[in-house]
Amino acid sequence: MFPLIPADLLRALGLVLIPAAWVTAGWPSAAVMFLVFGTQWLLRWLRGGSLLDWTGQLTLLAAGWFSVTGLYHRVGALDVLMHALTSALVAGLVGIAVEAALRRRDIPAVTVLRTTGHTLAWLGLAGATVSLGVVWELAEWWGHTFVTEEIGVGYEDTIGDLTANTLGALVGAWLAVRAGERG
């Protein structure tokens, strides 16, 4: 058994929201909340109890629950805002995962930053994050086409989401590189 930390309260909420989403909006919404719950545990594993853990969990819970309740369809800019915020979070997680992989190989992140340069590291993290955003958009299209038409897609939605993902990824990657500089 591992010790509980205060941020695990939000993970407990994430667990409760899975069946609540199913009851509220059906199994596709429960699947979204299950994905949120899994990412909440990824945050714990990578940075449990940190400010990133708390803010990341709140962002994920909000993004997932807004989807469950259909709030994105009622508040126009909310979808774009949440795409930018979650993309910034994902960029931070990608940066942390890269740092952990380097650490397992006894390579300090600062050494890699000096070798590649900050701009290349920033663009690499942002590019990886944007790629994940593209996969998300493909999953949305697949869900709309094969699961339920309630999943909102369309040219303007997808372009807006990808634009917000890119902006969020650039900001999140910049913050991750800055954090890597401090070692």
N, C-alpha and C. Protein backbone atom coordinates (compact mmCIF):
# COMPACT_ATOMS: atom_id res chain seq x y z
N MET A 1 0.85 -1.19 0.00
CA MET A 1 0.00 0.00 0.00
C MET A 1 0.89 1.24 0.00
N PHE A 2 0.52 2.21 -0.77
CA PHE A 2 1.28 3.46 -0.81
C PHE A 2 0.58 4.49 0.05
N PRO A 3 1.34 5.46 0.56
CA PRO A 3 0.72 6.47 1.42
C PRO A 3 -0.17 7.42 0.62
N LEU A 4 -1.29 7.79 1.22
CA LEU A 4 -2.17 8.75 0.59
C LEU A 4 -1.63 10.16 0.81
N ILE A 5 -1.89 11.02 -0.15
CA ILE A 5 -1.51 12.43 -0.04
C ILE A 5 -2.78 13.26 -0.25
N PRO A 6 -2.79 14.50 0.20
CA PRO A 6 -4.01 15.32 0.07
C PRO A 6 -4.55 15.41 -1.35
N ALA A 7 -3.68 15.46 -2.36
CA ALA A 7 -4.14 15.57 -3.75
C ALA A 7 -4.92 14.33 -4.20
N ASP A 8 -4.81 13.24 -3.44
CA ASP A 8 -5.57 12.04 -3.78
C ASP A 8 -7.08 12.24 -3.61
N LEU A 9 -7.46 13.28 -2.88
CA LEU A 9 -8.89 13.59 -2.77
C LEU A 9 -9.49 13.91 -4.14
N LEU A 10 -8.73 14.62 -4.97
CA LEU A 10 -9.22 14.91 -6.32
C LEU A 10 -9.27 13.65 -7.16
N ARG A 11 -8.34 12.70 -6.93
CA ARG A 11 -8.38 11.44 -7.65
C ARG A 11 -9.62 10.63 -7.24
N ALA A 12 -9.96 10.70 -5.96
CA ALA A 12 -11.18 10.03 -5.49
C ALA A 12 -12.41 10.63 -6.19
N LEU A 13 -12.41 11.95 -6.33
CA LEU A 13 -13.51 12.61 -7.05
C LEU A 13 -13.55 12.12 -8.49
N GLY A 14 -12.39 12.00 -9.12
CA GLY A 14 -12.33 11.48 -10.49
C GLY A 14 -12.92 10.09 -10.60
N LEU A 15 -12.66 9.24 -9.61
CA LEU A 15 -13.22 7.89 -9.61
C LEU A 15 -14.73 7.93 -9.49
N VAL A 16 -15.25 8.77 -8.61
CA VAL A 16 -16.70 8.89 -8.41
C VAL A 16 -17.38 9.43 -9.67
N LEU A 17 -16.69 10.30 -10.40
CA LEU A 17 -17.29 10.91 -11.59
C LEU A 17 -17.43 9.94 -12.77
N ILE A 18 -16.73 8.81 -12.73
CA ILE A 18 -16.87 7.84 -13.83
C ILE A 18 -18.29 7.28 -13.89
N PRO A 19 -18.80 6.68 -12.81
CA PRO A 19 -20.20 6.21 -12.89
C PRO A 19 -21.20 7.35 -12.97
N ALA A 20 -20.87 8.50 -12.37
CA ALA A 20 -21.77 9.66 -12.47
C ALA A 20 -21.90 10.09 -13.93
N ALA A 21 -20.80 10.04 -14.67
CA ALA A 21 -20.84 10.39 -16.09
C ALA A 21 -21.68 9.39 -16.86
N TRP A 22 -21.58 8.13 -16.53
CA TRP A 22 -22.35 7.09 -17.21
C TRP A 22 -23.84 7.34 -17.02
N VAL A 23 -24.22 7.64 -15.76
CA VAL A 23 -25.63 7.89 -15.45
C VAL A 23 -26.10 9.17 -16.13
N THR A 24 -25.25 10.19 -16.16
CA THR A 24 -25.62 11.50 -16.70
C THR A 24 -25.71 11.49 -18.22
N ALA A 25 -24.72 10.86 -18.89
CA ALA A 25 -24.65 11.02 -20.35
C ALA A 25 -24.27 9.75 -21.10
N GLY A 26 -24.18 8.60 -20.45
CA GLY A 26 -23.91 7.36 -21.15
C GLY A 26 -22.45 6.93 -21.10
N TRP A 27 -22.21 5.76 -21.67
CA TRP A 27 -20.88 5.17 -21.57
C TRP A 27 -19.76 5.96 -22.26
N PRO A 28 -20.01 6.67 -23.39
CA PRO A 28 -18.89 7.45 -23.95
C PRO A 28 -18.39 8.52 -22.98
N SER A 29 -19.31 9.13 -22.23
CA SER A 29 -18.89 10.13 -21.24
C SER A 29 -18.15 9.47 -20.08
N ALA A 30 -18.58 8.27 -19.70
CA ALA A 30 -17.87 7.53 -18.66
C ALA A 30 -16.45 7.20 -19.13
N ALA A 31 -16.31 6.88 -20.41
CA ALA A 31 -14.98 6.60 -20.97
C ALA A 31 -14.09 7.84 -20.90
N VAL A 32 -14.66 9.00 -21.17
CA VAL A 32 -13.89 10.26 -21.07
C VAL A 32 -13.42 10.45 -19.63
N MET A 33 -14.31 10.23 -18.67
CA MET A 33 -13.93 10.41 -17.26
C MET A 33 -12.92 9.34 -16.82
N PHE A 34 -13.00 8.15 -17.40
CA PHE A 34 -12.01 7.12 -17.10
C PHE A 34 -10.63 7.56 -17.60
N LEU A 35 -10.59 8.18 -18.76
CA LEU A 35 -9.34 8.72 -19.30
C LEU A 35 -8.80 9.82 -18.39
N VAL A 36 -9.68 10.68 -17.91
CA VAL A 36 -9.29 11.72 -16.95
C VAL A 36 -8.69 11.07 -15.70
N PHE A 37 -9.37 10.06 -15.17
CA PHE A 37 -8.93 9.37 -13.96
C PHE A 37 -7.53 8.77 -14.16
N GLY A 38 -7.32 8.14 -15.31
CA GLY A 38 -6.00 7.58 -15.58
C GLY A 38 -4.92 8.65 -15.63
N THR A 39 -5.22 9.78 -16.21
CA THR A 39 -4.24 10.87 -16.29
C THR A 39 -4.01 11.48 -14.92
N GLN A 40 -5.04 11.47 -14.07
CA GLN A 40 -4.84 11.93 -12.69
C GLN A 40 -3.78 11.07 -12.00
N TRP A 41 -3.81 9.77 -12.24
CA TRP A 41 -2.81 8.89 -11.63
C TRP A 41 -1.44 9.07 -12.28
N LEU A 42 -1.41 9.40 -13.56
CA LEU A 42 -0.13 9.71 -14.19
C LEU A 42 0.49 10.92 -13.52
N LEU A 43 -0.32 11.92 -13.23
CA LEU A 43 0.18 13.10 -12.51
C LEU A 43 0.75 12.71 -11.15
N ARG A 44 0.07 11.82 -10.45
CA ARG A 44 0.56 11.39 -9.13
C ARG A 44 1.89 10.68 -9.26
N TRP A 45 1.97 9.81 -10.25
CA TRP A 45 3.19 9.05 -10.45
C TRP A 45 4.37 9.97 -10.80
N LEU A 46 4.12 10.96 -11.64
CA LEU A 46 5.20 11.83 -12.09
C LEU A 46 5.50 12.98 -11.12
N ARG A 47 4.46 13.59 -10.52
CA ARG A 47 4.66 14.76 -9.67
C ARG A 47 3.64 14.84 -8.54
N GLY A 48 3.38 13.72 -7.88
CA GLY A 48 2.37 13.66 -6.84
C GLY A 48 2.50 14.73 -5.77
N GLY A 49 1.42 15.44 -5.53
CA GLY A 49 1.37 16.45 -4.48
C GLY A 49 1.89 17.82 -4.89
N SER A 50 2.48 17.93 -6.06
CA SER A 50 3.03 19.21 -6.50
C SER A 50 1.92 20.14 -6.99
N LEU A 51 2.31 21.38 -7.24
CA LEU A 51 1.36 22.34 -7.82
C LEU A 51 0.85 21.84 -9.18
N LEU A 52 1.74 21.20 -9.96
CA LEU A 52 1.32 20.65 -11.25
C LEU A 52 0.27 19.56 -11.05
N ASP A 53 0.42 18.74 -10.03
CA ASP A 53 -0.55 17.69 -9.73
C ASP A 53 -1.92 18.31 -9.45
N TRP A 54 -1.96 19.27 -8.54
CA TRP A 54 -3.24 19.90 -8.17
C TRP A 54 -3.88 20.62 -9.35
N THR A 55 -3.13 21.50 -10.01
CA THR A 55 -3.72 22.27 -11.11
C THR A 55 -4.06 21.38 -12.30
N GLY A 56 -3.21 20.39 -12.55
CA GLY A 56 -3.48 19.46 -13.64
C GLY A 56 -4.75 18.67 -13.40
N GLN A 57 -4.92 18.19 -12.18
CA GLN A 57 -6.14 17.44 -11.87
C GLN A 57 -7.39 18.31 -12.01
N LEU A 58 -7.31 19.52 -11.50
CA LEU A 58 -8.48 20.42 -11.62
C LEU A 58 -8.80 20.71 -13.07
N THR A 59 -7.77 20.92 -13.89
CA THR A 59 -7.98 21.17 -15.32
C THR A 59 -8.61 19.96 -15.98
N LEU A 60 -8.09 18.77 -15.69
CA LEU A 60 -8.62 17.55 -16.30
C LEU A 60 -10.05 17.28 -15.86
N LEU A 61 -10.31 17.43 -14.56
CA LEU A 61 -11.67 17.19 -14.07
C LEU A 61 -12.66 18.15 -14.72
N ALA A 62 -12.26 19.42 -14.82
CA ALA A 62 -13.14 20.41 -15.45
C ALA A 62 -13.37 20.07 -16.92
N ALA A 63 -12.29 19.78 -17.64
CA ALA A 63 -12.41 19.47 -19.07
C ALA A 63 -13.32 18.26 -19.29
N GLY A 64 -13.13 17.22 -18.51
CA GLY A 64 -13.95 16.02 -18.65
C GLY A 64 -15.40 16.27 -18.30
N TRP A 65 -15.63 16.96 -17.17
CA TRP A 65 -17.01 17.17 -16.74
C TRP A 65 -17.75 18.14 -17.65
N PHE A 66 -17.04 19.13 -18.20
CA PHE A 66 -17.67 20.02 -19.17
C PHE A 66 -18.17 19.23 -20.38
N SER A 67 -17.41 18.22 -20.77
CA SER A 67 -17.83 17.36 -21.88
C SER A 67 -19.06 16.55 -21.50
N VAL A 68 -19.03 15.96 -20.32
CA VAL A 68 -20.15 15.13 -19.85
C VAL A 68 -21.45 15.93 -19.82
N THR A 69 -21.37 17.15 -19.33
CA THR A 69 -22.58 17.96 -19.16
C THR A 69 -22.98 18.73 -20.40
N GLY A 70 -22.18 18.65 -21.46
CA GLY A 70 -22.51 19.35 -22.70
C GLY A 70 -22.25 20.84 -22.65
N LEU A 71 -21.46 21.27 -21.68
CA LEU A 71 -21.20 22.71 -21.52
C LEU A 71 -20.44 23.29 -22.71
N TYR A 72 -19.63 22.48 -23.37
CA TYR A 72 -18.89 22.98 -24.53
C TYR A 72 -19.83 23.44 -25.65
N HIS A 73 -20.98 22.80 -25.75
CA HIS A 73 -21.95 23.18 -26.79
C HIS A 73 -22.69 24.47 -26.44
N ARG A 74 -22.73 24.80 -25.16
CA ARG A 74 -23.47 25.98 -24.72
C ARG A 74 -22.58 27.21 -24.52
N VAL A 75 -21.30 27.02 -24.25
CA VAL A 75 -20.38 28.14 -24.02
C VAL A 75 -19.28 28.04 -25.07
N GLY A 76 -19.39 28.88 -26.09
CA GLY A 76 -18.55 28.78 -27.28
C GLY A 76 -17.05 28.71 -27.05
N ALA A 77 -16.49 29.63 -26.33
CA ALA A 77 -15.04 29.71 -26.20
C ALA A 77 -14.48 28.72 -25.18
N LEU A 78 -15.34 28.06 -24.44
CA LEU A 78 -14.88 27.16 -23.39
C LEU A 78 -14.08 25.99 -23.96
N ASP A 79 -14.50 25.44 -25.08
CA ASP A 79 -13.81 24.31 -25.70
C ASP A 79 -12.38 24.71 -26.08
N VAL A 80 -12.23 25.86 -26.70
CA VAL A 80 -10.90 26.32 -27.12
C VAL A 80 -10.02 26.59 -25.90
N LEU A 81 -10.58 27.23 -24.88
CA LEU A 81 -9.82 27.51 -23.66
C LEU A 81 -9.34 26.22 -23.02
N MET A 82 -10.22 25.24 -22.90
CA MET A 82 -9.83 23.99 -22.25
C MET A 82 -8.82 23.20 -23.09
N HIS A 83 -8.92 23.29 -24.42
CA HIS A 83 -7.91 22.65 -25.26
C HIS A 83 -6.54 23.28 -25.02
N ALA A 84 -6.49 24.60 -24.90
CA ALA A 84 -5.21 25.27 -24.64
C ALA A 84 -4.66 24.88 -23.28
N LEU A 85 -5.50 24.87 -22.26
CA LEU A 85 -5.04 24.52 -20.90
C LEU A 85 -4.57 23.08 -20.82
N THR A 86 -5.35 22.16 -21.37
CA THR A 86 -4.95 20.76 -21.30
C THR A 86 -3.71 20.49 -22.16
N SER A 87 -3.57 21.20 -23.24
CA SER A 87 -2.36 21.05 -24.06
C SER A 87 -1.12 21.53 -23.31
N ALA A 88 -1.25 22.63 -22.60
CA ALA A 88 -0.13 23.11 -21.79
C ALA A 88 0.22 22.08 -20.72
N LEU A 89 -0.79 21.49 -20.11
CA LEU A 89 -0.57 20.44 -19.12
C LEU A 89 0.13 19.24 -19.75
N VAL A 90 -0.35 18.80 -20.90
CA VAL A 90 0.24 17.64 -21.57
C VAL A 90 1.70 17.94 -21.94
N ALA A 91 2.00 19.15 -22.36
CA ALA A 91 3.38 19.51 -22.68
C ALA A 91 4.26 19.37 -21.43
N GLY A 92 3.74 19.79 -20.29
CA GLY A 92 4.47 19.61 -19.04
C GLY A 92 4.69 18.15 -18.72
N LEU A 93 3.67 17.33 -18.94
CA LEU A 93 3.80 15.90 -18.69
C LEU A 93 4.80 15.25 -19.64
N VAL A 94 4.78 15.66 -20.90
CA VAL A 94 5.74 15.13 -21.86
C VAL A 94 7.16 15.53 -21.43
N GLY A 95 7.32 16.78 -21.01
CA GLY A 95 8.63 17.23 -20.53
C GLY A 95 9.10 16.42 -19.32
N ILE A 96 8.20 16.15 -18.40
CA ILE A 96 8.54 15.37 -17.21
C ILE A 96 8.90 13.94 -17.60
N ALA A 97 8.16 13.37 -18.53
CA ALA A 97 8.45 12.01 -18.99
C ALA A 97 9.82 11.94 -19.67
N VAL A 98 10.14 12.94 -20.48
CA VAL A 98 11.46 12.99 -21.13
C VAL A 98 12.55 13.11 -20.07
N GLU A 99 12.32 13.99 -19.10
CA GLU A 99 13.30 14.17 -18.02
C GLU A 99 13.51 12.87 -17.25
N ALA A 100 12.43 12.13 -16.96
CA ALA A 100 12.54 10.86 -16.25
C ALA A 100 13.31 9.84 -17.08
N ALA A 101 13.06 9.79 -18.39
CA ALA A 101 13.79 8.87 -19.26
C ALA A 101 15.28 9.21 -19.29
N LEU A 102 15.60 10.49 -19.31
CA LEU A 102 17.00 10.92 -19.28
C LEU A 102 17.64 10.54 -17.94
N ARG A 103 16.91 10.75 -16.86
CA ARG A 103 17.42 10.46 -15.53
C ARG A 103 17.74 8.96 -15.38
N ARG A 104 16.89 8.09 -15.96
CA ARG A 104 17.14 6.64 -15.91
C ARG A 104 18.44 6.29 -16.63
N ARG A 105 18.84 7.13 -17.56
CA ARG A 105 20.09 6.91 -18.31
C ARG A 105 21.24 7.74 -17.74
N ASP A 106 21.02 8.32 -16.57
CA ASP A 106 22.02 9.17 -15.91
C ASP A 106 22.47 10.35 -16.77
N ILE A 107 21.52 10.93 -17.50
CA ILE A 107 21.80 12.11 -18.33
C ILE A 107 21.01 13.27 -17.75
N PRO A 108 21.68 14.29 -17.22
CA PRO A 108 20.95 15.44 -16.70
C PRO A 108 20.24 16.21 -17.82
N ALA A 109 19.03 16.63 -17.55
CA ALA A 109 18.26 17.39 -18.54
C ALA A 109 18.99 18.67 -18.94
N VAL A 110 19.70 19.27 -18.00
CA VAL A 110 20.45 20.49 -18.29
C VAL A 110 21.50 20.23 -19.37
N THR A 111 22.13 19.06 -19.34
CA THR A 111 23.12 18.70 -20.36
C THR A 111 22.48 18.62 -21.73
N VAL A 112 21.30 18.01 -21.80
CA VAL A 112 20.60 17.91 -23.09
C VAL A 112 20.20 19.30 -23.58
N LEU A 113 19.74 20.15 -22.67
CA LEU A 113 19.37 21.51 -23.07
C LEU A 113 20.57 22.27 -23.62
N ARG A 114 21.73 22.07 -23.00
CA ARG A 114 22.94 22.75 -23.52
C ARG A 114 23.32 22.20 -24.89
N THR A 115 23.14 20.90 -25.09
CA THR A 115 23.53 20.26 -26.34
C THR A 115 22.58 20.62 -27.48
N THR A 116 21.28 20.50 -27.23
CA THR A 116 20.30 20.73 -28.30
C THR A 116 19.96 22.20 -28.46
N GLY A 117 20.09 22.94 -27.39
CA GLY A 117 19.65 24.33 -27.37
C GLY A 117 18.21 24.40 -26.90
N HIS A 118 17.89 25.51 -26.28
CA HIS A 118 16.56 25.68 -25.71
C HIS A 118 15.46 25.73 -26.76
N THR A 119 15.74 26.32 -27.88
CA THR A 119 14.72 26.46 -28.92
C THR A 119 14.34 25.10 -29.49
N LEU A 120 15.34 24.26 -29.78
CA LEU A 120 15.05 22.94 -30.32
C LEU A 120 14.31 22.08 -29.30
N ALA A 121 14.71 22.15 -28.04
CA ALA A 121 14.02 21.40 -26.98
C ALA A 121 12.57 21.88 -26.87
N TRP A 122 12.37 23.19 -26.90
CA TRP A 122 11.03 23.78 -26.81
C TRP A 122 10.16 23.31 -27.97
N LEU A 123 10.70 23.40 -29.19
CA LEU A 123 9.94 22.99 -30.36
C LEU A 123 9.69 21.48 -30.38
N GLY A 124 10.65 20.70 -29.90
CA GLY A 124 10.46 19.25 -29.83
C GLY A 124 9.34 18.87 -28.88
N LEU A 125 9.32 19.48 -27.68
CA LEU A 125 8.24 19.21 -26.72
C LEU A 125 6.90 19.69 -27.27
N ALA A 126 6.90 20.88 -27.86
CA ALA A 126 5.65 21.40 -28.42
C ALA A 126 5.17 20.51 -29.56
N GLY A 127 6.08 20.07 -30.42
CA GLY A 127 5.71 19.20 -31.53
C GLY A 127 5.13 17.87 -31.06
N ALA A 128 5.74 17.28 -30.03
CA ALA A 128 5.21 16.03 -29.49
C ALA A 128 3.81 16.24 -28.92
N THR A 129 3.61 17.36 -28.26
CA THR A 129 2.31 17.66 -27.66
C THR A 129 1.25 17.91 -28.74
N VAL A 130 1.60 18.66 -29.76
CA VAL A 130 0.67 18.91 -30.86
C VAL A 130 0.31 17.59 -31.55
N SER A 131 1.28 16.69 -31.69
CA SER A 131 0.99 15.38 -32.27
C SER A 131 -0.05 14.63 -31.45
N LEU A 132 0.06 14.70 -30.13
CA LEU A 132 -0.95 14.07 -29.28
C LEU A 132 -2.31 14.74 -29.46
N GLY A 133 -2.31 16.06 -29.68
CA GLY A 133 -3.55 16.77 -29.95
C GLY A 133 -4.19 16.32 -31.25
N VAL A 134 -3.38 16.03 -32.25
CA VAL A 134 -3.90 15.51 -33.52
C VAL A 134 -4.54 14.14 -33.29
N VAL A 135 -3.88 13.30 -32.50
CA VAL A 135 -4.45 11.98 -32.18
C VAL A 135 -5.79 12.15 -31.47
N TRP A 136 -5.88 13.12 -30.57
CA TRP A 136 -7.15 13.39 -29.87
C TRP A 136 -8.24 13.79 -30.87
N GLU A 137 -7.90 14.66 -31.80
CA GLU A 137 -8.89 15.09 -32.79
C GLU A 137 -9.34 13.92 -33.67
N LEU A 138 -8.41 13.05 -34.02
CA LEU A 138 -8.78 11.85 -34.79
C LEU A 138 -9.71 10.96 -33.96
N ALA A 139 -9.44 10.85 -32.67
CA ALA A 139 -10.31 10.05 -31.78
C ALA A 139 -11.70 10.69 -31.69
N GLU A 140 -11.75 12.02 -31.63
CA GLU A 140 -13.05 12.70 -31.63
C GLU A 140 -13.82 12.39 -32.91
N TRP A 141 -13.15 12.46 -34.05
CA TRP A 141 -13.81 12.15 -35.32
C TRP A 141 -14.31 10.71 -35.33
N TRP A 142 -13.45 9.77 -34.89
CA TRP A 142 -13.83 8.37 -34.84
C TRP A 142 -15.05 8.19 -33.92
N GLY A 143 -15.01 8.81 -32.75
CA GLY A 143 -16.13 8.73 -31.82
C GLY A 143 -17.42 9.28 -32.43
N HIS A 144 -17.30 10.40 -33.12
CA HIS A 144 -18.47 11.01 -33.78
C HIS A 144 -19.02 10.09 -34.87
N THR A 145 -18.13 9.51 -35.64
CA THR A 145 -18.52 8.69 -36.78
C THR A 145 -19.05 7.32 -36.37
N PHE A 146 -18.42 6.69 -35.37
CA PHE A 146 -18.74 5.30 -35.06
C PHE A 146 -19.41 5.08 -33.70
N VAL A 147 -19.43 6.09 -32.83
CA VAL A 147 -20.00 5.89 -31.50
C VAL A 147 -21.27 6.71 -31.32
N THR A 148 -21.16 8.03 -31.39
CA THR A 148 -22.33 8.88 -31.22
C THR A 148 -22.10 10.22 -31.90
N GLU A 149 -23.12 10.71 -32.54
CA GLU A 149 -23.03 12.00 -33.22
C GLU A 149 -23.01 13.16 -32.23
N GLU A 150 -23.24 12.88 -30.94
CA GLU A 150 -23.19 13.92 -29.92
C GLU A 150 -21.78 14.47 -29.73
N ILE A 151 -20.77 13.70 -30.12
CA ILE A 151 -19.39 14.18 -30.03
C ILE A 151 -19.22 15.21 -31.13
N GLY A 152 -18.97 16.44 -30.73
CA GLY A 152 -18.92 17.54 -31.68
C GLY A 152 -17.65 17.56 -32.50
N VAL A 153 -17.81 17.50 -33.81
CA VAL A 153 -16.68 17.65 -34.73
C VAL A 153 -17.14 18.52 -35.88
N GLY A 154 -16.24 18.86 -36.71
CA GLY A 154 -16.52 19.71 -37.86
C GLY A 154 -15.26 20.51 -38.16
N TYR A 155 -15.23 21.10 -39.31
CA TYR A 155 -14.03 21.81 -39.74
C TYR A 155 -13.64 22.90 -38.74
N GLU A 156 -14.57 23.79 -38.42
CA GLU A 156 -14.24 24.91 -37.53
C GLU A 156 -13.87 24.43 -36.14
N ASP A 157 -14.59 23.41 -35.63
CA ASP A 157 -14.26 22.87 -34.32
C ASP A 157 -12.85 22.30 -34.31
N THR A 158 -12.53 21.50 -35.30
CA THR A 158 -11.22 20.85 -35.35
C THR A 158 -10.10 21.87 -35.52
N ILE A 159 -10.27 22.83 -36.41
CA ILE A 159 -9.24 23.85 -36.61
C ILE A 159 -9.07 24.69 -35.34
N GLY A 160 -10.17 25.06 -34.71
CA GLY A 160 -10.09 25.81 -33.45
C GLY A 160 -9.38 25.01 -32.36
N ASP A 161 -9.71 23.72 -32.27
CA ASP A 161 -9.07 22.86 -31.27
C ASP A 161 -7.58 22.73 -31.54
N LEU A 162 -7.21 22.49 -32.80
CA LEU A 162 -5.79 22.33 -33.13
C LEU A 162 -5.00 23.63 -32.90
N THR A 163 -5.64 24.75 -33.19
CA THR A 163 -4.98 26.05 -32.94
C THR A 163 -4.76 26.24 -31.44
N ALA A 164 -5.79 25.97 -30.66
CA ALA A 164 -5.66 26.09 -29.20
C ALA A 164 -4.64 25.09 -28.66
N ASN A 165 -4.65 23.87 -29.20
CA ASN A 165 -3.65 22.87 -28.78
C ASN A 165 -2.24 23.37 -29.05
N THR A 166 -2.04 23.97 -30.21
CA THR A 166 -0.71 24.46 -30.57
C THR A 166 -0.27 25.58 -29.64
N LEU A 167 -1.15 26.53 -29.38
CA LEU A 167 -0.80 27.62 -28.46
C LEU A 167 -0.51 27.10 -27.06
N GLY A 168 -1.37 26.21 -26.57
CA GLY A 168 -1.16 25.62 -25.25
C GLY A 168 0.15 24.83 -25.20
N ALA A 169 0.43 24.08 -26.26
CA ALA A 169 1.66 23.29 -26.32
C ALA A 169 2.89 24.18 -26.30
N LEU A 170 2.84 25.28 -27.03
CA LEU A 170 3.99 26.20 -27.06
C LEU A 170 4.24 26.79 -25.67
N VAL A 171 3.19 27.21 -24.99
CA VAL A 171 3.34 27.77 -23.64
C VAL A 171 3.81 26.70 -22.66
N GLY A 172 3.15 25.54 -22.68
CA GLY A 172 3.52 24.47 -21.75
C GLY A 172 4.94 23.98 -21.99
N ALA A 173 5.35 23.85 -23.24
CA ALA A 173 6.71 23.42 -23.56
C ALA A 173 7.72 24.47 -23.11
N TRP A 174 7.39 25.73 -23.28
CA TRP A 174 8.29 26.79 -22.82
C TRP A 174 8.48 26.71 -21.30
N LEU A 175 7.38 26.51 -20.57
CA LEU A 175 7.47 26.37 -19.12
C LEU A 175 8.27 25.14 -18.72
N ALA A 176 8.07 24.03 -19.46
CA ALA A 176 8.81 22.79 -19.16
C ALA A 176 10.31 22.97 -19.40
N VAL A 177 10.67 23.65 -20.48
CA VAL A 177 12.10 23.89 -20.75
C VAL A 177 12.69 24.80 -19.67
N ARG A 178 11.93 25.82 -19.27
CA ARG A 178 12.40 26.71 -18.19
C ARG A 178 12.62 25.91 -16.91
N ALA A 179 11.71 24.99 -16.61
CA ALA A 179 11.86 24.16 -15.40
C ALA A 179 13.08 23.25 -15.54
N GLY A 180 13.32 22.74 -16.75
CA GLY A 180 14.49 21.90 -17.00
C GLY A 180 15.79 22.64 -16.82
N GLU A 181 15.79 23.93 -17.10
CA GLU A 181 17.00 24.75 -16.91
C GLU A 181 17.42 24.79 -15.44
N ARG A 182 16.41 24.77 -14.57
CA ARG A 182 16.70 24.85 -13.14
C ARG A 182 17.15 23.51 -12.58
N GLY A 183 16.98 22.46 -13.41
CA GLY A 183 17.47 21.14 -13.05
C GLY A 183 16.62 20.51 -12.02
